[in-house]
Amino acid sequence: MMENKKKPNPIDIHVGSRIRLRRTMLGMSQEKLGESLGITFQQIQKYEKGTNRVGASRLQNISSILNVPVSFFFEDAPGEQADLQSGLAEASSSNYVVDFLSSSEGLQLNRAFVKIGDPKVRRKLVDLVKALAAEAEAE
C-alpha cells in the first residue's frame, strides 16, 4: 500500500509538465516563478515533476503569472473523455506541438520566430523550412 503514496498521480504529472512547458516558453526561471508565488524554486520543481500536487488557489495564481487560462494545464490530460469525441488526429497534432516546444531546438526556434516583426519575412522562413523538409524527405 505504501508504494502508491510514492507514485505521483498522472494528472499531477501532466499539470506539472504543462507548468514547465509554459514557464520555459516564456523564458522564465523556476526561481522567478517561485518568487512571484512566494515559494522556493524547489517547490516549483516538485510541482513540475508532479511530486507535489498544486492546490486550486495556487494553480489560479500560476495561470495568472504565466498568462494562460487554468484550462491550459489540463489540455490533453491523461484519461480525458474529450479525446474519444474529438478524434485522434486532433489529439496527436496538439501532442506534436507540445513535443516540439518541449525540445530545446523547438523552444529556441519559437522564441526567435516570434521576434520577427515582418510577416513577409516570417512567411519566407516558413517556406524555407518546408523546402528543407521536402529536400530531406527526398533523400
C-alpha atoms as a PDB file:
ATOM      1  CA  MET A   1       0.000   0.000   0.000  1.00  0.00           C
ATOM      2  CA  MET A   2       2.880   2.404   0.676  1.00  0.00           C
ATOM      3  CA  GLU A   3       4.004   2.185  -2.980  1.00  0.00           C
ATOM      4  CA  ASN A   4       1.015   4.255  -4.152  1.00  0.00           C
ATOM      5  CA  LYS A   5       1.961   7.186  -1.910  1.00  0.00           C
ATOM      6  CA  LYS A   6       5.361   7.491  -3.608  1.00  0.00           C
ATOM      7  CA  LYS A   7       3.981   7.339  -7.141  1.00  0.00           C
ATOM      8  CA  PRO A   8       2.645  10.718  -8.373  1.00  0.00           C
ATOM      9  CA  ASN A   9      -0.836  10.872  -9.873  1.00  0.00           C
ATOM     10  CA  PRO A  10      -0.759  11.025 -13.721  1.00  0.00           C
ATOM     11  CA  ILE A  11      -2.857  14.222 -13.669  1.00  0.00           C
ATOM     12  CA  ASP A  12      -0.421  15.884 -11.226  1.00  0.00           C
ATOM     13  CA  ILE A  13       2.462  14.897 -13.516  1.00  0.00           C
ATOM     14  CA  HIS A  14       0.605  16.288 -16.539  1.00  0.00           C
ATOM     15  CA  VAL A  15      -0.292  19.589 -14.843  1.00  0.00           C
ATOM     16  CA  GLY A  16       3.329  19.921 -13.692  1.00  0.00           C
ATOM     17  CA  SER A  17       4.672  19.309 -17.190  1.00  0.00           C
ATOM     18  CA  ARG A  18       2.285  21.956 -18.581  1.00  0.00           C
ATOM     19  CA  ILE A  19       3.505  24.435 -15.938  1.00  0.00           C
ATOM     20  CA  ARG A  20       7.086  23.699 -17.003  1.00  0.00           C
ATOM     21  CA  LEU A  21       6.182  23.983 -20.695  1.00  0.00           C
ATOM     22  CA  ARG A  22       4.550  27.389 -20.293  1.00  0.00           C
ATOM     23  CA  ARG A  23       7.276  28.671 -17.960  1.00  0.00           C
ATOM     24  CA  THR A  24      10.023  27.707 -20.431  1.00  0.00           C
ATOM     25  CA  MET A  25       8.029  29.135 -23.370  1.00  0.00           C
ATOM     26  CA  LEU A  26       8.130  32.468 -21.553  1.00  0.00           C
ATOM     27  CA  GLY A  27      11.830  32.078 -20.736  1.00  0.00           C
ATOM     28  CA  MET A  28      11.043  32.290 -17.012  1.00  0.00           C
ATOM     29  CA  SER A  29      13.230  30.560 -14.425  1.00  0.00           C
ATOM     30  CA  GLN A  30      11.913  28.366 -11.629  1.00  0.00           C
ATOM     31  CA  GLU A  31      13.337  30.953  -9.234  1.00  0.00           C
ATOM     32  CA  LYS A  32      11.348  33.787 -10.834  1.00  0.00           C
ATOM     33  CA  LEU A  33       8.094  31.817 -10.795  1.00  0.00           C
ATOM     34  CA  GLY A  34       8.689  30.776  -7.182  1.00  0.00           C
ATOM     35  CA  GLU A  35       9.476  34.364  -6.223  1.00  0.00           C
ATOM     36  CA  SER A  36       6.218  35.576  -7.802  1.00  0.00           C
ATOM     37  CA  LEU A  37       4.318  32.966  -5.763  1.00  0.00           C
ATOM     38  CA  GLY A  38       6.271  33.494  -2.553  1.00  0.00           C
ATOM     39  CA  ILE A  39       7.698  29.957  -2.568  1.00  0.00           C
ATOM     40  CA  THR A  40      11.095  28.356  -3.288  1.00  0.00           C
ATOM     41  CA  PHE A  41      12.280  27.123  -6.674  1.00  0.00           C
ATOM     42  CA  GLN A  42      12.498  23.643  -5.092  1.00  0.00           C
ATOM     43  CA  GLN A  43       8.733  23.768  -4.576  1.00  0.00           C
ATOM     44  CA  ILE A  44       8.304  24.701  -8.261  1.00  0.00           C
ATOM     45  CA  GLN A  45      10.491  21.686  -9.158  1.00  0.00           C
ATOM     46  CA  LYS A  46       8.238  19.413  -7.101  1.00  0.00           C
ATOM     47  CA  TYR A  47       5.126  20.803  -8.825  1.00  0.00           C
ATOM     48  CA  GLU A  48       6.695  20.373 -12.270  1.00  0.00           C
ATOM     49  CA  LYS A  49       7.652  16.747 -11.560  1.00  0.00           C
ATOM     50  CA  GLY A  50       4.206  16.013 -10.144  1.00  0.00           C
ATOM     51  CA  THR A  51       5.754  15.053  -6.802  1.00  0.00           C
ATOM     52  CA  ASN A  52       3.633  17.697  -5.063  1.00  0.00           C
ATOM     53  CA  ARG A  53       0.040  18.418  -6.013  1.00  0.00           C
ATOM     54  CA  VAL A  54      -0.797  22.021  -6.945  1.00  0.00           C
ATOM     55  CA  GLY A  55      -3.742  23.405  -4.972  1.00  0.00           C
ATOM     56  CA  ALA A  56      -6.584  25.231  -6.725  1.00  0.00           C
ATOM     57  CA  SER A  57      -5.699  28.735  -5.496  1.00  0.00           C
ATOM     58  CA  ARG A  58      -2.014  28.205  -6.283  1.00  0.00           C
ATOM     59  CA  LEU A  59      -2.871  26.955  -9.787  1.00  0.00           C
ATOM     60  CA  GLN A  60      -5.026  30.067 -10.274  1.00  0.00           C
ATOM     61  CA  ASN A  61      -2.025  32.238  -9.274  1.00  0.00           C
ATOM     62  CA  ILE A  62       0.300  30.305 -11.592  1.00  0.00           C
ATOM     63  CA  SER A  63      -2.133  30.701 -14.507  1.00  0.00           C
ATOM     64  CA  SER A  64      -2.242  34.446 -13.859  1.00  0.00           C
ATOM     65  CA  ILE A  65       1.569  34.773 -13.678  1.00  0.00           C
ATOM     66  CA  LEU A  66       2.091  32.613 -16.789  1.00  0.00           C
ATOM     67  CA  ASN A  67      -0.760  34.406 -18.584  1.00  0.00           C
ATOM     68  CA  VAL A  68      -2.788  31.329 -19.578  1.00  0.00           C
ATOM     69  CA  PRO A  69      -6.245  30.111 -18.546  1.00  0.00           C
ATOM     70  CA  VAL A  70      -6.313  27.406 -15.851  1.00  0.00           C
ATOM     71  CA  SER A  71      -7.687  25.010 -18.501  1.00  0.00           C
ATOM     72  CA  PHE A  72      -4.278  25.202 -20.279  1.00  0.00           C
ATOM     73  CA  PHE A  73      -2.783  22.979 -17.573  1.00  0.00           C
ATOM     74  CA  PHE A  74      -5.345  20.233 -18.218  1.00  0.00           C
ATOM     75  CA  GLU A  75      -5.233  20.176 -22.035  1.00  0.00           C
ATOM     76  CA  ASP A  76      -4.527  16.646 -23.315  1.00  0.00           C
ATOM     77  CA  ALA A  77      -4.567  15.303 -19.759  1.00  0.00           C
ATOM     78  CA  PRO A  78      -4.498  11.501 -19.465  1.00  0.00           C
ATOM     79  CA  GLY A  79      -7.945   9.919 -19.277  1.00  0.00           C
ATOM     80  CA  GLU A  80      -9.748  12.878 -20.840  1.00  0.00           C
ATOM     81  CA  GLN A  81     -13.095  11.857 -22.331  1.00  0.00           C
ATOM     82  CA  ALA A  82     -12.752  14.610 -24.945  1.00  0.00           C
ATOM     83  CA  ASP A  83     -10.067  12.547 -26.698  1.00  0.00           C
ATOM     84  CA  LEU A  84     -12.675   9.973 -27.657  1.00  0.00           C
ATOM     85  CA  GLN A  85     -15.008  12.558 -29.195  1.00  0.00           C
ATOM     86  CA  SER A  86     -12.519  14.956 -30.801  1.00  0.00           C
ATOM     87  CA  GLY A  87     -10.770  12.208 -32.751  1.00  0.00           C
ATOM     88  CA  LEU A  88      -7.191  11.015 -32.701  1.00  0.00           C
ATOM     89  CA  ALA A  89      -5.865  13.418 -35.345  1.00  0.00           C
ATOM     90  CA  GLU A  90      -6.592  16.440 -33.177  1.00  0.00           C
ATOM     91  CA  ALA A  91      -5.072  14.908 -30.056  1.00  0.00           C
ATOM     92  CA  SER A  92      -1.904  13.807 -31.836  1.00  0.00           C
ATOM     93  CA  SER A  93      -1.459  17.189 -33.532  1.00  0.00           C
ATOM     94  CA  SER A  94      -1.550  19.045 -30.195  1.00  0.00           C
ATOM     95  CA  ASN A  95       0.854  16.472 -28.694  1.00  0.00           C
ATOM     96  CA  TYR A  96       3.179  17.177 -31.632  1.00  0.00           C
ATOM     97  CA  VAL A  97       3.185  20.887 -30.736  1.00  0.00           C
ATOM     98  CA  VAL A  98       3.862  20.152 -27.063  1.00  0.00           C
ATOM     99  CA  ASP A  99       6.714  17.779 -28.014  1.00  0.00           C
ATOM    100  CA  PHE A 100       8.175  20.410 -30.354  1.00  0.00           C
ATOM    101  CA  LEU A 101       8.014  23.178 -27.750  1.00  0.00           C
ATOM    102  CA  SER A 102       9.438  20.869 -25.107  1.00  0.00           C
ATOM    103  CA  SER A 103      12.593  20.369 -27.173  1.00  0.00           C
ATOM    104  CA  SER A 104      15.476  22.813 -26.826  1.00  0.00           C
ATOM    105  CA  GLU A 105      15.581  23.495 -30.587  1.00  0.00           C
ATOM    106  CA  GLY A 106      11.826  23.982 -30.831  1.00  0.00           C
ATOM    107  CA  LEU A 107      11.853  26.427 -27.961  1.00  0.00           C
ATOM    108  CA  GLN A 108      14.770  28.409 -29.424  1.00  0.00           C
ATOM    109  CA  LEU A 109      13.151  28.457 -32.859  1.00  0.00           C
ATOM    110  CA  ASN A 110       9.818  29.590 -31.418  1.00  0.00           C
ATOM    111  CA  ARG A 111      11.398  32.386 -29.355  1.00  0.00           C
ATOM    112  CA  ALA A 112      13.408  33.670 -32.323  1.00  0.00           C
ATOM    113  CA  PHE A 113      10.483  33.375 -34.750  1.00  0.00           C
ATOM    114  CA  VAL A 114       8.068  35.454 -32.651  1.00  0.00           C
ATOM    115  CA  LYS A 115      10.649  38.265 -32.512  1.00  0.00           C
ATOM    116  CA  ILE A 116      10.461  38.654 -36.311  1.00  0.00           C
ATOM    117  CA  GLY A 117       8.066  41.563 -36.832  1.00  0.00           C
ATOM    118  CA  ASP A 118       7.709  41.460 -40.617  1.00  0.00           C
ATOM    119  CA  PRO A 119       5.014  38.947 -41.695  1.00  0.00           C
ATOM    120  CA  LYS A 120       6.633  38.586 -45.147  1.00  0.00           C
ATOM    121  CA  VAL A 121       9.944  37.527 -43.584  1.00  0.00           C
ATOM    122  CA  ARG A 122       8.086  35.049 -41.366  1.00  0.00           C
ATOM    123  CA  ARG A 123       6.273  33.625 -44.407  1.00  0.00           C
ATOM    124  CA  LYS A 124       9.581  33.228 -46.286  1.00  0.00           C
ATOM    125  CA  LEU A 125      11.075  31.452 -43.280  1.00  0.00           C
ATOM    126  CA  VAL A 126       8.152  29.002 -43.224  1.00  0.00           C
ATOM    127  CA  ASP A 127       8.645  28.408 -46.959  1.00  0.00           C
ATOM    128  CA  LEU A 128      12.377  27.808 -46.396  1.00  0.00           C
ATOM    129  CA  VAL A 129      11.724  25.274 -43.631  1.00  0.00           C
ATOM    130  CA  LYS A 130       9.139  23.470 -45.806  1.00  0.00           C
ATOM    131  CA  ALA A 131      11.629  23.339 -48.704  1.00  0.00           C
ATOM    132  CA  LEU A 132      14.349  21.941 -46.416  1.00  0.00           C
ATOM    133  CA  ALA A 133      11.938  19.327 -45.039  1.00  0.00           C
ATOM    134  CA  ALA A 134      10.899  18.281 -48.558  1.00  0.00           C
ATOM    135  CA  GLU A 135      14.576  18.026 -49.551  1.00  0.00           C
ATOM    136  CA  ALA A 136      15.314  15.828 -46.523  1.00  0.00           C
ATOM    137  CA  GLU A 137      12.349  13.553 -47.366  1.00  0.00           C
ATOM    138  CA  ALA A 138      13.559  13.128 -50.940  1.00  0.00           C
ATOM    139  CA  GLU A 139      16.963  11.822 -49.838  1.00  0.00           C
END
